[in-house]
């Protein structure tokens, strides 16, 4: 009888943990990007607000990295 109570207790504990963790999971919406270079990119800003000069990037790759691309006149290339 005691063994049965332990099994029931651990089963309930396991199911509670699974439900708790399932609510904490974040879904990622990454996509496959091409290797094309966006023309006119002067610089990009990536978290945490770091300004860098990219070698070759495009809007798709920048978005996956949460970056913003800008032209030399400071206008944003893609949103």
PDB file of N, CA and C in Angstrom:
ATOM      1  N   UNK A   1       0.812  -1.195   0.000  1.00  0.00           N
ATOM      2  CA  UNK A   1       0.000   0.000   0.000  1.00  0.00           C
ATOM      3  C   UNK A   1       0.861   1.267   0.000  1.00  0.00           C
ATOM      4  N   UNK A   2       1.932   1.264   0.777  1.00  0.00           N
ATOM      5  CA  UNK A   2       2.819   2.426   0.838  1.00  0.00           C
ATOM      6  C   UNK A   2       3.515   2.631  -0.501  1.00  0.00           C
ATOM      7  N   UNK A   3       3.866   1.531  -1.174  1.00  0.00           N
ATOM      8  CA  UNK A   3       4.522   1.633  -2.477  1.00  0.00           C
ATOM      9  C   UNK A   3       3.574   2.249  -3.507  1.00  0.00           C
ATOM     10  N   UNK A   4       2.311   1.901  -3.438  1.00  0.00           N
ATOM     11  CA  UNK A   4       1.312   2.449  -4.362  1.00  0.00           C
ATOM     12  C   UNK A   4       1.159   3.953  -4.143  1.00  0.00           C
ATOM     13  N   UNK A   5       1.141   4.388  -2.874  1.00  0.00           N
ATOM     14  CA  UNK A   5       1.030   5.814  -2.570  1.00  0.00           C
ATOM     15  C   UNK A   5       2.233   6.590  -3.101  1.00  0.00           C
ATOM     16  N   UNK A   6       3.425   5.992  -3.015  1.00  0.00           N
ATOM     17  CA  UNK A   6       4.632   6.645  -3.520  1.00  0.00           C
ATOM     18  C   UNK A   6       4.577   6.796  -5.035  1.00  0.00           C
ATOM     19  N   UNK A   7       4.098   5.764  -5.712  1.00  0.00           N
ATOM     20  CA  UNK A   7       3.990   5.812  -7.172  1.00  0.00           C
ATOM     21  C   UNK A   7       3.002   6.895  -7.592  1.00  0.00           C
ATOM     22  N   UNK A   8       1.864   6.959  -6.927  1.00  0.00           N
ATOM     23  CA  UNK A   8       0.856   7.975  -7.241  1.00  0.00           C
ATOM     24  C   UNK A   8       1.414   9.371  -6.975  1.00  0.00           C
ATOM     25  N   UNK A   9       2.102   9.544  -5.837  1.00  0.00           N
ATOM     26  CA  UNK A   9       2.682  10.840  -5.490  1.00  0.00           C
ATOM     27  C   UNK A   9       3.694  11.285  -6.538  1.00  0.00           C
ATOM     28  N   UNK A  10       4.612  10.402  -6.925  1.00  0.00           N
ATOM     29  CA  UNK A  10       5.631  10.764  -7.908  1.00  0.00           C
ATOM     30  C   UNK A  10       5.038  10.987  -9.296  1.00  0.00           C
ATOM     31  N   UNK A  11       3.985  10.275  -9.637  1.00  0.00           N
ATOM     32  CA  UNK A  11       3.314  10.490 -10.918  1.00  0.00           C
ATOM     33  C   UNK A  11       2.680  11.882 -10.959  1.00  0.00           C
ATOM     34  N   UNK A  12       2.005  12.245  -9.882  1.00  0.00           N
ATOM     35  CA  UNK A  12       1.393  13.578  -9.813  1.00  0.00           C
ATOM     36  C   UNK A  12       2.467  14.657  -9.838  1.00  0.00           C
ATOM     37  N   UNK A  13       3.560  14.435  -9.116  1.00  0.00           N
ATOM     38  CA  UNK A  13       4.665  15.387  -9.097  1.00  0.00           C
ATOM     39  C   UNK A  13       5.277  15.547 -10.486  1.00  0.00           C
ATOM     40  N   UNK A  14       5.475  14.445 -11.191  1.00  0.00           N
ATOM     41  CA  UNK A  14       6.041  14.479 -12.537  1.00  0.00           C
ATOM     42  C   UNK A  14       5.124  15.219 -13.504  1.00  0.00           C
ATOM     43  N   UNK A  15       3.848  14.924 -13.471  1.00  0.00           N
ATOM     44  CA  UNK A  15       2.896  15.594 -14.366  1.00  0.00           C
ATOM     45  C   UNK A  15       2.798  17.085 -14.058  1.00  0.00           C
ATOM     46  N   UNK A  16       2.849  17.450 -12.785  1.00  0.00           N
ATOM     47  CA  UNK A  16       2.824  18.869 -12.411  1.00  0.00           C
ATOM     48  C   UNK A  16       4.059  19.583 -12.946  1.00  0.00           C
ATOM     49  N   UNK A  17       5.216  18.944 -12.845  1.00  0.00           N
ATOM     50  CA  UNK A  17       6.451  19.527 -13.362  1.00  0.00           C
ATOM     51  C   UNK A  17       6.406  19.707 -14.859  1.00  0.00           C
ATOM     52  N   UNK A  18       5.879  18.724 -15.564  1.00  0.00           N
ATOM     53  CA  UNK A  18       5.776  18.815 -17.023  1.00  0.00           C
ATOM     54  C   UNK A  18       4.860  19.969 -17.421  1.00  0.00           C
ATOM     55  N   UNK A  19       3.728  20.099 -16.767  1.00  0.00           N
ATOM     56  CA  UNK A  19       2.800  21.190 -17.081  1.00  0.00           C
ATOM     57  C   UNK A  19       3.416  22.544 -16.762  1.00  0.00           C
ATOM     58  N   UNK A  20       4.150  22.641 -15.660  1.00  0.00           N
ATOM     59  CA  UNK A  20       4.798  23.893 -15.291  1.00  0.00           C
ATOM     60  C   UNK A  20       5.859  24.277 -16.311  1.00  0.00           C
ATOM     61  N   UNK A  21       6.695  23.333 -16.709  1.00  0.00           N
ATOM     62  CA  UNK A  21       7.760  23.621 -17.664  1.00  0.00           C
ATOM     63  C   UNK A  21       7.216  23.920 -19.051  1.00  0.00           C
ATOM     64  N   UNK A  22       6.127  23.289 -19.426  1.00  0.00           N
ATOM     65  CA  UNK A  22       5.528  23.523 -20.738  1.00  0.00           C
ATOM     66  C   UNK A  22       5.067  24.967 -20.873  1.00  0.00           C
ATOM     67  N   UNK A  23       4.608  25.561 -19.798  1.00  0.00           N
ATOM     68  CA  UNK A  23       4.163  26.955 -19.834  1.00  0.00           C
ATOM     69  C   UNK A  23       5.328  27.927 -19.911  1.00  0.00           C
ATOM     70  N   UNK A  24       6.529  27.500 -19.543  1.00  0.00           N
ATOM     71  CA  UNK A  24       7.697  28.374 -19.522  1.00  0.00           C
ATOM     72  C   UNK A  24       8.503  28.332 -20.813  1.00  0.00           C
ATOM     73  N   UNK A  25       8.196  27.432 -21.730  1.00  0.00           N
ATOM     74  CA  UNK A  25       8.963  27.278 -22.961  1.00  0.00           C
ATOM     75  C   UNK A  25       8.629  28.407 -23.922  1.00  0.00           C
ATOM     76  N   UNK A  26       9.666  29.050 -24.477  1.00  0.00           N
ATOM     77  CA  UNK A  26       9.470  30.092 -25.480  1.00  0.00           C
ATOM     78  C   UNK A  26       9.635  29.489 -26.864  1.00  0.00           C
ATOM     79  N   UNK A  27       8.798  29.913 -27.775  1.00  0.00           N
ATOM     80  CA  UNK A  27       8.869  29.409 -29.137  1.00  0.00           C
ATOM     81  C   UNK A  27       9.735  30.348 -29.975  1.00  0.00           C
ATOM     82  N   UNK A  28      10.637  29.782 -30.728  1.00  0.00           N
ATOM     83  CA  UNK A  28      11.548  30.551 -31.566  1.00  0.00           C
ATOM     84  C   UNK A  28      11.052  30.473 -33.003  1.00  0.00           C
ATOM     85  N   UNK A  29      11.039  31.605 -33.674  1.00  0.00           N
ATOM     86  CA  UNK A  29      10.574  31.623 -35.059  1.00  0.00           C
ATOM     87  C   UNK A  29      11.728  32.007 -35.990  1.00  0.00           C
ATOM     88  N   UNK A  30      12.747  31.183 -36.001  1.00  0.00           N
ATOM     89  CA  UNK A  30      13.883  31.418 -36.896  1.00  0.00           C
ATOM     90  C   UNK A  30      13.533  30.877 -38.281  1.00  0.00           C
ATOM     91  N   UNK A  31      14.170  31.415 -39.282  1.00  0.00           N
ATOM     92  CA  UNK A  31      13.924  30.947 -40.641  1.00  0.00           C
ATOM     93  C   UNK A  31      15.246  30.770 -41.364  1.00  0.00           C
ATOM     94  N   UNK A  32      15.215  30.017 -42.428  1.00  0.00           N
ATOM     95  CA  UNK A  32      16.412  29.797 -43.232  1.00  0.00           C
ATOM     96  C   UNK A  32      16.605  31.004 -44.139  1.00  0.00           C
ATOM     97  N   UNK A  33      17.816  31.558 -44.141  1.00  0.00           N
ATOM     98  CA  UNK A  33      18.106  32.767 -44.917  1.00  0.00           C
ATOM     99  C   UNK A  33      19.117  32.469 -46.017  1.00  0.00           C
ATOM    100  N   UNK A  34      19.032  33.229 -47.083  1.00  0.00           N
ATOM    101  CA  UNK A  34      19.996  33.106 -48.176  1.00  0.00           C
ATOM    102  C   UNK A  34      21.286  33.828 -47.810  1.00  0.00           C
ATOM    103  N   UNK A  35      22.320  33.624 -48.596  1.00  0.00           N
ATOM    104  CA  UNK A  35      23.620  34.253 -48.345  1.00  0.00           C
ATOM    105  C   UNK A  35      23.788  35.545 -49.133  1.00  0.00           C
ATOM    106  N   UNK A  36      22.710  36.074 -49.694  1.00  0.00           N
ATOM    107  CA  UNK A  36      22.786  37.322 -50.459  1.00  0.00           C
ATOM    108  C   UNK A  36      23.158  38.489 -49.553  1.00  0.00           C
ATOM    109  N   UNK A  37      23.897  39.436 -50.110  1.00  0.00           N
ATOM    110  CA  UNK A  37      24.264  40.652 -49.379  1.00  0.00           C
ATOM    111  C   UNK A  37      23.288  41.766 -49.751  1.00  0.00           C
ATOM    112  N   UNK A  38      22.762  42.443 -48.750  1.00  0.00           N
ATOM    113  CA  UNK A  38      21.882  43.578 -49.010  1.00  0.00           C
ATOM    114  C   UNK A  38      22.729  44.759 -49.467  1.00  0.00           C
ATOM    115  N   UNK A  39      22.377  45.386 -50.584  1.00  0.00           N
ATOM    116  CA  UNK A  39      23.169  46.530 -51.066  1.00  0.00           C
ATOM    117  C   UNK A  39      22.908  47.770 -50.211  1.00  0.00           C
ATOM    118  N   UNK A  40      23.925  48.575 -50.051  1.00  0.00           N
ATOM    119  CA  UNK A  40      23.767  49.852 -49.363  1.00  0.00           C
ATOM    120  C   UNK A  40      23.807  49.809 -47.853  1.00  0.00           C
ATOM    121  N   UNK A  41      24.164  48.672 -47.271  1.00  0.00           N
ATOM    122  CA  UNK A  41      24.229  48.592 -45.809  1.00  0.00           C
ATOM    123  C   UNK A  41      25.506  49.274 -45.336  1.00  0.00           C
ATOM    124  N   UNK A  42      25.348  50.316 -44.558  1.00  0.00           N
ATOM    125  CA  UNK A  42      26.497  51.043 -44.013  1.00  0.00           C
ATOM    126  C   UNK A  42      26.879  50.505 -42.636  1.00  0.00           C
ATOM    127  N   UNK A  43      25.850  50.252 -41.805  1.00  0.00           N
ATOM    128  CA  UNK A  43      26.109  49.721 -40.470  1.00  0.00           C
ATOM    129  C   UNK A  43      24.863  49.018 -39.971  1.00  0.00           C
ATOM    130  N   UNK A  44      25.006  48.273 -38.880  1.00  0.00           N
ATOM    131  CA  UNK A  44      23.857  47.637 -38.257  1.00  0.00           C
ATOM    132  C   UNK A  44      23.973  47.792 -36.749  1.00  0.00           C
ATOM    133  N   UNK A  45      22.823  47.769 -36.095  1.00  0.00           N
ATOM    134  CA  UNK A  45      22.775  47.861 -34.642  1.00  0.00           C
ATOM    135  C   UNK A  45      22.119  46.594 -34.127  1.00  0.00           C
ATOM    136  N   UNK A  46      22.841  45.911 -33.247  1.00  0.00           N
ATOM    137  CA  UNK A  46      22.364  44.663 -32.657  1.00  0.00           C
ATOM    138  C   UNK A  46      22.306  44.823 -31.140  1.00  0.00           C
ATOM    139  N   UNK A  47      21.427  44.051 -30.481  1.00  0.00           N
ATOM    140  CA  UNK A  47      21.372  44.127 -29.021  1.00  0.00           C
ATOM    141  C   UNK A  47      22.721  43.766 -28.421  1.00  0.00           C
ATOM    142  N   UNK A  48      23.149  44.436 -27.415  1.00  0.00           N
ATOM    143  CA  UNK A  48      22.519  45.556 -26.706  1.00  0.00           C
ATOM    144  C   UNK A  48      22.964  46.895 -27.274  1.00  0.00           C
ATOM    145  N   UNK A  49      22.334  47.334 -28.344  1.00  0.00           N
ATOM    146  CA  UNK A  49      22.597  48.630 -29.015  1.00  0.00           C
ATOM    147  C   UNK A  49      24.051  48.800 -29.419  1.00  0.00           C
ATOM    148  N   UNK A  50      24.610  47.744 -29.978  1.00  0.00           N
ATOM    149  CA  UNK A  50      25.997  47.775 -30.437  1.00  0.00           C
ATOM    150  C   UNK A  50      26.019  48.059 -31.937  1.00  0.00           C
ATOM    151  N   UNK A  51      26.718  49.113 -32.335  1.00  0.00           N
ATOM    152  CA  UNK A  51      26.815  49.504 -33.748  1.00  0.00           C
ATOM    153  C   UNK A  51      28.035  48.825 -34.363  1.00  0.00           C
ATOM    154  N   UNK A  52      27.825  48.105 -35.467  1.00  0.00           N
ATOM    155  CA  UNK A  52      28.916  47.394 -36.132  1.00  0.00           C
ATOM    156  C   UNK A  52      28.842  47.594 -37.631  1.00  0.00           C
ATOM    157  N   UNK A  53      29.928  47.347 -38.299  1.00  0.00           N
ATOM    158  CA  UNK A  53      30.010  47.393 -39.762  1.00  0.00           C
ATOM    159  C   UNK A  53      29.960  45.951 -40.254  1.00  0.00           C
ATOM    160  N   UNK A  54      28.862  45.531 -40.886  1.00  0.00           N
ATOM    161  CA  UNK A  54      28.756  44.143 -41.338  1.00  0.00           C
ATOM    162  C   UNK A  54      29.569  43.892 -42.607  1.00  0.00           C
ATOM    163  N   UNK A  55      30.114  42.687 -42.722  1.00  0.00           N
ATOM    164  CA  UNK A  55      30.808  42.296 -43.952  1.00  0.00           C
ATOM    165  C   UNK A  55      29.800  42.039 -45.062  1.00  0.00           C
ATOM    166  N   UNK A  56      28.874  41.171 -44.799  1.00  0.00           N
ATOM    167  CA  UNK A  56      27.832  40.814 -45.770  1.00  0.00           C
ATOM    168  C   UNK A  56      26.646  40.291 -44.988  1.00  0.00           C
ATOM    169  N   UNK A  57      25.529  40.965 -45.086  1.00  0.00           N
ATOM    170  CA  UNK A  57      24.328  40.506 -44.401  1.00  0.00           C
ATOM    171  C   UNK A  57      23.111  40.937 -45.207  1.00  0.00           C
ATOM    172  N   UNK A  58      21.964  40.467 -44.787  1.00  0.00           N
ATOM    173  CA  UNK A  58      20.710  40.862 -45.417  1.00  0.00           C
ATOM    174  C   UNK A  58      19.636  40.971 -44.338  1.00  0.00           C
ATOM    175  N   UNK A  59      18.451  41.398 -44.719  1.00  0.00           N
ATOM    176  CA  UNK A  59      17.383  41.626 -43.753  1.00  0.00           C
ATOM    177  C   UNK A  59      16.997  40.355 -43.001  1.00  0.00           C
ATOM    178  N   UNK A  60      16.992  39.242 -43.691  1.00  0.00           N
ATOM    179  CA  UNK A  60      16.610  37.975 -43.070  1.00  0.00           C
ATOM    180  C   UNK A  60      17.579  37.603 -41.953  1.00  0.00           C
ATOM    181  N   UNK A  61      18.861  37.625 -42.245  1.00  0.00           N
ATOM    182  CA  UNK A  61      19.859  37.274 -41.227  1.00  0.00           C
ATOM    183  C   UNK A  61      19.883  38.296 -40.099  1.00  0.00           C
ATOM    184  N   UNK A  62      19.698  39.556 -40.431  1.00  0.00           N
ATOM    185  CA  UNK A  62      19.682  40.591 -39.397  1.00  0.00           C
ATOM    186  C   UNK A  62      18.499  40.392 -38.454  1.00  0.00           C
ATOM    187  N   UNK A  63      17.339  40.067 -39.019  1.00  0.00           N
ATOM    188  CA  UNK A  63      16.149  39.873 -38.198  1.00  0.00           C
ATOM    189  C   UNK A  63      16.314  38.677 -37.264  1.00  0.00           C
ATOM    190  N   UNK A  64      16.921  37.588 -37.749  1.00  0.00           N
ATOM    191  CA  UNK A  64      17.141  36.417 -36.899  1.00  0.00           C
ATOM    192  C   UNK A  64      18.049  36.739 -35.721  1.00  0.00           C
ATOM    193  N   UNK A  65      18.945  37.714 -35.892  1.00  0.00           N
ATOM    194  CA  UNK A  65      19.852  38.115 -34.816  1.00  0.00           C
ATOM    195  C   UNK A  65      19.347  39.339 -34.060  1.00  0.00           C
ATOM    196  N   UNK A  66      18.109  39.753 -34.350  1.00  0.00           N
ATOM    197  CA  UNK A  66      17.481  40.920 -33.729  1.00  0.00           C
ATOM    198  C   UNK A  66      18.266  42.199 -33.995  1.00  0.00           C
ATOM    199  N   UNK A  67      18.802  42.332 -35.200  1.00  0.00           N
ATOM    200  CA  UNK A  67      19.585  43.511 -35.600  1.00  0.00           C
ATOM    201  C   UNK A  67      18.771  44.378 -36.556  1.00  0.00           C
ATOM    202  N   UNK A  68      19.168  45.623 -36.677  1.00  0.00           N
ATOM    203  CA  UNK A  68      18.577  46.564 -37.621  1.00  0.00           C
ATOM    204  C   UNK A  68      19.664  47.024 -38.580  1.00  0.00           C
ATOM    205  N   UNK A  69      19.354  47.078 -39.874  1.00  0.00           N
ATOM    206  CA  UNK A  69      20.308  47.524 -40.891  1.00  0.00           C
ATOM    207  C   UNK A  69      20.010  48.971 -41.276  1.00  0.00           C
ATOM    208  N   UNK A  70      21.086  49.751 -41.517  1.00  0.00           N
ATOM    209  CA  UNK A  70      20.937  51.168 -41.853  1.00  0.00           C
ATOM    210  C   UNK A  70      21.811  51.555 -43.037  1.00  0.00           C
ATOM    211  N   UNK A  71      21.342  52.549 -43.803  1.00  0.00           N
ATOM    212  CA  UNK A  71      22.114  53.127 -44.908  1.00  0.00           C
ATOM    213  C   UNK A  71      23.035  54.225 -44.365  1.00  0.00           C
ATOM    214  N   UNK A  72      23.845  54.798 -45.240  1.00  0.00           N
ATOM    215  CA  UNK A  72      24.777  55.853 -44.816  1.00  0.00           C
ATOM    216  C   UNK A  72      24.052  57.125 -44.367  1.00  0.00           C
ATOM    217  N   UNK A  73      22.804  57.330 -44.844  1.00  0.00           N
ATOM    218  CA  UNK A  73      22.039  58.506 -44.413  1.00  0.00           C
ATOM    219  C   UNK A  73      21.220  58.234 -43.145  1.00  0.00           C
ATOM    220  N   UNK A  74      21.527  57.123 -42.468  1.00  0.00           N
ATOM    221  CA  UNK A  74      20.885  56.697 -41.213  1.00  0.00           C
ATOM    222  C   UNK A  74      19.443  56.234 -41.379  1.00  0.00           C
ATOM    223  N   UNK A  75      18.991  56.009 -42.615  1.00  0.00           N
ATOM    224  CA  UNK A  75      17.649  55.467 -42.811  1.00  0.00           C
ATOM    225  C   UNK A  75      17.706  53.945 -42.673  1.00  0.00           C
ATOM    226  N   UNK A  76      16.634  53.407 -42.126  1.00  0.00           N
ATOM    227  CA  UNK A  76      16.569  51.969 -41.880  1.00  0.00           C
ATOM    228  C   UNK A  76      16.257  51.235 -43.173  1.00  0.00           C
ATOM    229  N   UNK A  77      16.954  50.124 -43.416  1.00  0.00           N
ATOM    230  CA  UNK A  77      16.770  49.368 -44.656  1.00  0.00           C
ATOM    231  C   UNK A  77      15.590  48.418 -44.555  1.00  0.00           C
ATOM    232  N   UNK A  78      15.518  47.639 -43.522  1.00  0.00           N
ATOM    233  CA  UNK A  78      14.409  46.684 -43.389  1.00  0.00           C
ATOM    234  C   UNK A  78      13.830  46.768 -41.985  1.00  0.00           C
ATOM    235  N   UNK A  79      12.541  46.479 -41.895  1.00  0.00           N
ATOM    236  CA  UNK A  79      11.881  46.543 -40.593  1.00  0.00           C
ATOM    237  C   UNK A  79      11.317  45.210 -40.219  1.00  0.00           C
TER     238      UNK A  79
END
